[in-house]
Amino acid sequence: MRTEILNFLLQNESSFPAEISRALGYRYHRVIADIQDLIRDGAILDSFAGKKRQLKISPAFHDYLNAIPY
């Protein structure tokens, strides 16, 4: 599921946990658990837009993905 979350964020630049959950068809609590792990690992950044938690790919992780040869 983490790969799907990362792919979703790469395609949409930023999103909210509830939107990711709906789009991928997973339970919200399960998505939140994986998001917290991705934040801990430095793959995504979170910020708050009002009361909502906005997520995006971290610049360092984005650079890492660009460095991987196809």
N, C-alpha and C. Protein backbone atom coordinates (compact mmCIF):
# COMPACT_ATOMS: atom_id res chain seq x y z
N MET A 1 0.82 -1.18 0.00
CA MET A 1 0.00 0.00 0.00
C MET A 1 0.87 1.26 0.00
N ARG A 2 2.04 1.20 0.61
CA ARG A 2 2.91 2.38 0.64
C ARG A 2 3.32 2.80 -0.76
N THR A 3 3.60 1.84 -1.62
CA THR A 3 3.95 2.16 -3.00
C THR A 3 2.79 2.86 -3.70
N GLU A 4 1.59 2.40 -3.45
CA GLU A 4 0.41 3.03 -4.06
C GLU A 4 0.22 4.45 -3.54
N ILE A 5 0.47 4.67 -2.26
CA ILE A 5 0.37 6.02 -1.69
C ILE A 5 1.41 6.93 -2.34
N LEU A 6 2.64 6.45 -2.45
CA LEU A 6 3.69 7.25 -3.07
C LEU A 6 3.38 7.54 -4.53
N ASN A 7 2.89 6.56 -5.28
CA ASN A 7 2.51 6.78 -6.68
C ASN A 7 1.39 7.81 -6.78
N PHE A 8 0.41 7.73 -5.89
CA PHE A 8 -0.68 8.69 -5.90
C PHE A 8 -0.15 10.10 -5.67
N LEU A 9 0.75 10.26 -4.71
CA LEU A 9 1.30 11.59 -4.42
C LEU A 9 2.20 12.08 -5.56
N LEU A 10 2.91 11.20 -6.22
CA LEU A 10 3.72 11.61 -7.35
C LEU A 10 2.86 12.13 -8.50
N GLN A 11 1.70 11.54 -8.69
CA GLN A 11 0.80 11.95 -9.76
C GLN A 11 0.03 13.22 -9.42
N ASN A 12 -0.23 13.45 -8.12
CA ASN A 12 -1.08 14.56 -7.72
C ASN A 12 -0.35 15.68 -6.98
N GLU A 13 0.94 15.58 -6.80
CA GLU A 13 1.79 16.54 -6.10
C GLU A 13 1.47 16.65 -4.61
N SER A 14 0.23 16.81 -4.22
CA SER A 14 -0.13 16.83 -2.80
C SER A 14 -1.55 16.33 -2.67
N SER A 15 -1.89 15.88 -1.47
CA SER A 15 -3.22 15.35 -1.22
C SER A 15 -3.46 15.27 0.28
N PHE A 16 -4.65 14.83 0.63
CA PHE A 16 -5.05 14.66 2.02
C PHE A 16 -5.28 13.17 2.28
N PRO A 17 -5.08 12.71 3.51
CA PRO A 17 -5.26 11.28 3.81
C PRO A 17 -6.63 10.72 3.40
N ALA A 18 -7.68 11.46 3.65
CA ALA A 18 -9.02 10.97 3.30
C ALA A 18 -9.17 10.81 1.78
N GLU A 19 -8.60 11.73 1.03
CA GLU A 19 -8.65 11.66 -0.44
C GLU A 19 -7.86 10.45 -0.94
N ILE A 20 -6.70 10.22 -0.35
CA ILE A 20 -5.89 9.06 -0.73
C ILE A 20 -6.63 7.77 -0.42
N SER A 21 -7.23 7.71 0.75
CA SER A 21 -7.99 6.53 1.17
C SER A 21 -9.12 6.22 0.19
N ARG A 22 -9.88 7.24 -0.18
CA ARG A 22 -11.00 7.04 -1.12
C ARG A 22 -10.49 6.62 -2.49
N ALA A 23 -9.45 7.29 -2.97
CA ALA A 23 -8.94 7.01 -4.32
C ALA A 23 -8.37 5.60 -4.44
N LEU A 24 -7.69 5.14 -3.40
CA LEU A 24 -7.06 3.82 -3.45
C LEU A 24 -7.98 2.70 -2.97
N GLY A 25 -9.05 3.06 -2.28
CA GLY A 25 -10.01 2.05 -1.83
C GLY A 25 -9.59 1.30 -0.57
N TYR A 26 -8.74 1.93 0.25
CA TYR A 26 -8.31 1.32 1.51
C TYR A 26 -8.97 2.04 2.69
N ARG A 27 -9.04 1.34 3.83
CA ARG A 27 -9.60 1.96 5.02
C ARG A 27 -8.72 3.11 5.48
N TYR A 28 -9.36 4.16 5.97
CA TYR A 28 -8.67 5.38 6.38
C TYR A 28 -7.60 5.10 7.42
N HIS A 29 -7.93 4.32 8.44
CA HIS A 29 -6.98 4.05 9.53
C HIS A 29 -5.74 3.30 9.02
N ARG A 30 -5.94 2.44 8.07
CA ARG A 30 -4.81 1.69 7.48
C ARG A 30 -3.89 2.63 6.69
N VAL A 31 -4.50 3.55 5.95
CA VAL A 31 -3.74 4.52 5.17
C VAL A 31 -2.94 5.44 6.11
N ILE A 32 -3.58 5.90 7.18
CA ILE A 32 -2.91 6.77 8.15
C ILE A 32 -1.69 6.08 8.75
N ALA A 33 -1.81 4.80 9.08
CA ALA A 33 -0.68 4.06 9.66
C ALA A 33 0.50 4.03 8.69
N ASP A 34 0.23 3.77 7.42
CA ASP A 34 1.30 3.74 6.43
C ASP A 34 1.87 5.13 6.16
N ILE A 35 1.01 6.15 6.18
CA ILE A 35 1.47 7.53 6.00
C ILE A 35 2.42 7.92 7.12
N GLN A 36 2.09 7.56 8.33
CA GLN A 36 2.97 7.91 9.45
C GLN A 36 4.33 7.23 9.32
N ASP A 37 4.34 6.00 8.83
CA ASP A 37 5.61 5.32 8.59
C ASP A 37 6.42 6.02 7.49
N LEU A 38 5.74 6.46 6.43
CA LEU A 38 6.42 7.17 5.34
C LEU A 38 6.97 8.52 5.80
N ILE A 39 6.24 9.19 6.68
CA ILE A 39 6.73 10.45 7.25
C ILE A 39 7.96 10.18 8.10
N ARG A 40 7.90 9.15 8.93
CA ARG A 40 9.03 8.78 9.79
C ARG A 40 10.27 8.46 8.95
N ASP A 41 10.06 7.79 7.82
CA ASP A 41 11.17 7.40 6.95
C ASP A 41 11.66 8.54 6.06
N GLY A 42 10.96 9.67 6.04
CA GLY A 42 11.38 10.83 5.27
C GLY A 42 10.95 10.83 3.82
N ALA A 43 10.06 9.92 3.45
CA ALA A 43 9.61 9.85 2.06
C ALA A 43 8.56 10.91 1.73
N ILE A 44 7.74 11.27 2.71
CA ILE A 44 6.74 12.31 2.49
C ILE A 44 6.78 13.33 3.62
N LEU A 45 6.29 14.51 3.32
CA LEU A 45 6.20 15.60 4.29
C LEU A 45 4.74 15.90 4.54
N ASP A 46 4.44 16.29 5.76
CA ASP A 46 3.07 16.70 6.06
C ASP A 46 3.06 18.12 6.56
N SER A 47 2.00 18.80 6.24
CA SER A 47 1.75 20.16 6.74
C SER A 47 0.26 20.27 6.96
N PHE A 48 -0.16 21.34 7.55
CA PHE A 48 -1.58 21.49 7.83
C PHE A 48 -2.14 22.66 7.05
N ALA A 49 -3.22 22.39 6.32
CA ALA A 49 -3.97 23.41 5.59
C ALA A 49 -5.28 23.56 6.35
N GLY A 50 -5.32 24.53 7.26
CA GLY A 50 -6.47 24.63 8.14
C GLY A 50 -6.41 23.49 9.13
N LYS A 51 -7.45 22.68 9.17
CA LYS A 51 -7.47 21.52 10.06
C LYS A 51 -7.07 20.24 9.35
N LYS A 52 -6.88 20.32 8.04
CA LYS A 52 -6.56 19.13 7.25
C LYS A 52 -5.06 18.93 7.13
N ARG A 53 -4.66 17.69 7.13
CA ARG A 53 -3.25 17.32 7.00
C ARG A 53 -2.94 17.12 5.53
N GLN A 54 -2.09 17.97 4.97
CA GLN A 54 -1.72 17.88 3.57
C GLN A 54 -0.39 17.15 3.43
N LEU A 55 -0.32 16.26 2.46
CA LEU A 55 0.85 15.42 2.27
C LEU A 55 1.46 15.66 0.89
N LYS A 56 2.79 15.55 0.82
CA LYS A 56 3.47 15.62 -0.47
C LYS A 56 4.78 14.86 -0.36
N ILE A 57 5.33 14.49 -1.49
CA ILE A 57 6.62 13.79 -1.55
C ILE A 57 7.71 14.75 -1.09
N SER A 58 8.62 14.27 -0.26
CA SER A 58 9.71 15.13 0.21
C SER A 58 10.68 15.38 -0.94
N PRO A 59 11.29 16.55 -0.98
CA PRO A 59 12.26 16.85 -2.04
C PRO A 59 13.42 15.84 -2.08
N ALA A 60 13.90 15.43 -0.92
CA ALA A 60 15.02 14.47 -0.89
C ALA A 60 14.61 13.13 -1.50
N PHE A 61 13.40 12.66 -1.21
CA PHE A 61 12.94 11.40 -1.77
C PHE A 61 12.69 11.54 -3.27
N HIS A 62 12.19 12.68 -3.68
CA HIS A 62 11.96 12.94 -5.10
C HIS A 62 13.29 12.90 -5.86
N ASP A 63 14.32 13.51 -5.29
CA ASP A 63 15.66 13.48 -5.91
C ASP A 63 16.19 12.05 -5.97
N TYR A 64 15.96 11.29 -4.92
CA TYR A 64 16.38 9.90 -4.89
C TYR A 64 15.72 9.10 -6.03
N LEU A 65 14.42 9.31 -6.22
CA LEU A 65 13.71 8.60 -7.29
C LEU A 65 14.25 8.98 -8.66
N ASN A 66 14.61 10.25 -8.83
CA ASN A 66 15.14 10.70 -10.11
C ASN A 66 16.54 10.15 -10.39
N ALA A 67 17.26 9.77 -9.33
CA ALA A 67 18.61 9.26 -9.50
C ALA A 67 18.64 7.78 -9.85
N ILE A 68 17.54 7.08 -9.65
CA ILE A 68 17.49 5.64 -9.94
C ILE A 68 17.40 5.45 -11.45
N PRO A 69 18.30 4.67 -12.02
CA PRO A 69 18.23 4.43 -13.47
C PRO A 69 17.04 3.53 -13.82
N TYR A 70 16.51 3.71 -15.00
CA TYR A 70 15.36 2.91 -15.44
C TYR A 70 15.78 1.54 -15.84
